[in-house]
Amino acid sequence: MTKTRVSITIDGNIAKVIENYYREKVKIAAEKGEAIPKLSNIYEEIIERGWESKSGTRKK
């Protein structure tokens, strides 16, 4: 798959939700002794799966 540069604008509430999601991923990785995920990979995941702003939940 070809990588494409994407520019997005998010508001403060979504930024907090993304930050909390990232912190949770880091916490899980640290507990398991795995590598800490890069923030850019988290944004790629969000773009791939989509992100729903309602109630700060991830779209599945």
Protein backbone atom coordinates (compact mmCIF):
# COMPACT_ATOMS: atom_id res chain seq x y z
CA MET A 1 0.00 0.00 0.00
CA THR A 2 1.32 3.42 -0.92
CA LYS A 3 1.72 5.88 1.91
CA THR A 4 0.10 9.28 1.52
CA ARG A 5 0.66 12.37 3.61
CA VAL A 6 -2.57 13.55 5.26
CA SER A 7 -3.25 16.77 7.09
CA ILE A 8 -6.10 16.90 9.60
CA THR A 9 -7.49 19.45 12.02
CA ILE A 10 -8.97 18.30 15.31
CA ASP A 11 -10.59 20.14 18.18
CA GLY A 12 -9.52 20.05 21.82
CA ASN A 13 -12.01 17.35 22.84
CA ILE A 14 -10.93 14.93 20.13
CA ALA A 15 -7.28 15.68 20.92
CA LYS A 16 -7.87 14.63 24.54
CA VAL A 17 -9.64 11.44 23.44
CA ILE A 18 -6.75 10.57 21.11
CA GLU A 19 -4.21 11.33 23.84
CA ASN A 20 -6.04 9.10 26.32
CA TYR A 21 -6.24 6.32 23.71
CA TYR A 22 -2.50 6.64 23.07
CA ARG A 23 -1.72 6.59 26.80
CA GLU A 24 -3.78 3.42 27.18
CA LYS A 25 -1.86 1.78 24.31
CA VAL A 26 1.46 2.81 25.92
CA LYS A 27 0.33 1.48 29.31
CA ILE A 28 -0.64 -1.89 27.81
CA ALA A 29 2.63 -2.14 25.89
CA ALA A 30 4.66 -1.26 28.99
CA GLU A 31 2.85 -3.84 31.10
CA LYS A 32 3.51 -6.53 28.50
CA GLY A 33 7.13 -5.45 27.99
CA GLU A 34 6.51 -4.65 24.33
CA ALA A 35 7.76 -1.72 22.28
CA ILE A 36 5.99 1.59 22.89
CA PRO A 37 3.87 2.50 19.84
CA LYS A 38 4.72 5.64 17.89
CA LEU A 39 2.13 8.39 17.96
CA SER A 40 2.24 8.55 14.15
CA ASN A 41 1.14 4.90 14.06
CA ILE A 42 -1.81 5.75 16.30
CA TYR A 43 -2.89 8.48 13.87
CA GLU A 44 -2.53 6.02 10.96
CA GLU A 45 -4.77 3.58 12.83
CA ILE A 46 -7.34 6.31 13.47
CA ILE A 47 -7.39 7.29 9.81
CA GLU A 48 -7.65 3.66 8.66
CA ARG A 49 -10.47 2.74 11.02
CA GLY A 50 -12.18 6.10 11.23
CA TRP A 51 -12.89 7.98 14.41
CA GLU A 52 -16.30 8.86 15.74
CA SER A 53 -16.48 11.97 17.90
CA LYS A 54 -19.70 10.88 19.64
CA SER A 55 -19.01 10.01 23.28
CA GLY A 56 -15.28 9.80 22.52
CA THR A 57 -15.55 6.24 21.27
CA ARG A 58 -13.72 4.58 18.45
CA LYS A 59 -15.65 3.37 15.44
CA LYS A 60 -15.41 -0.41 15.03
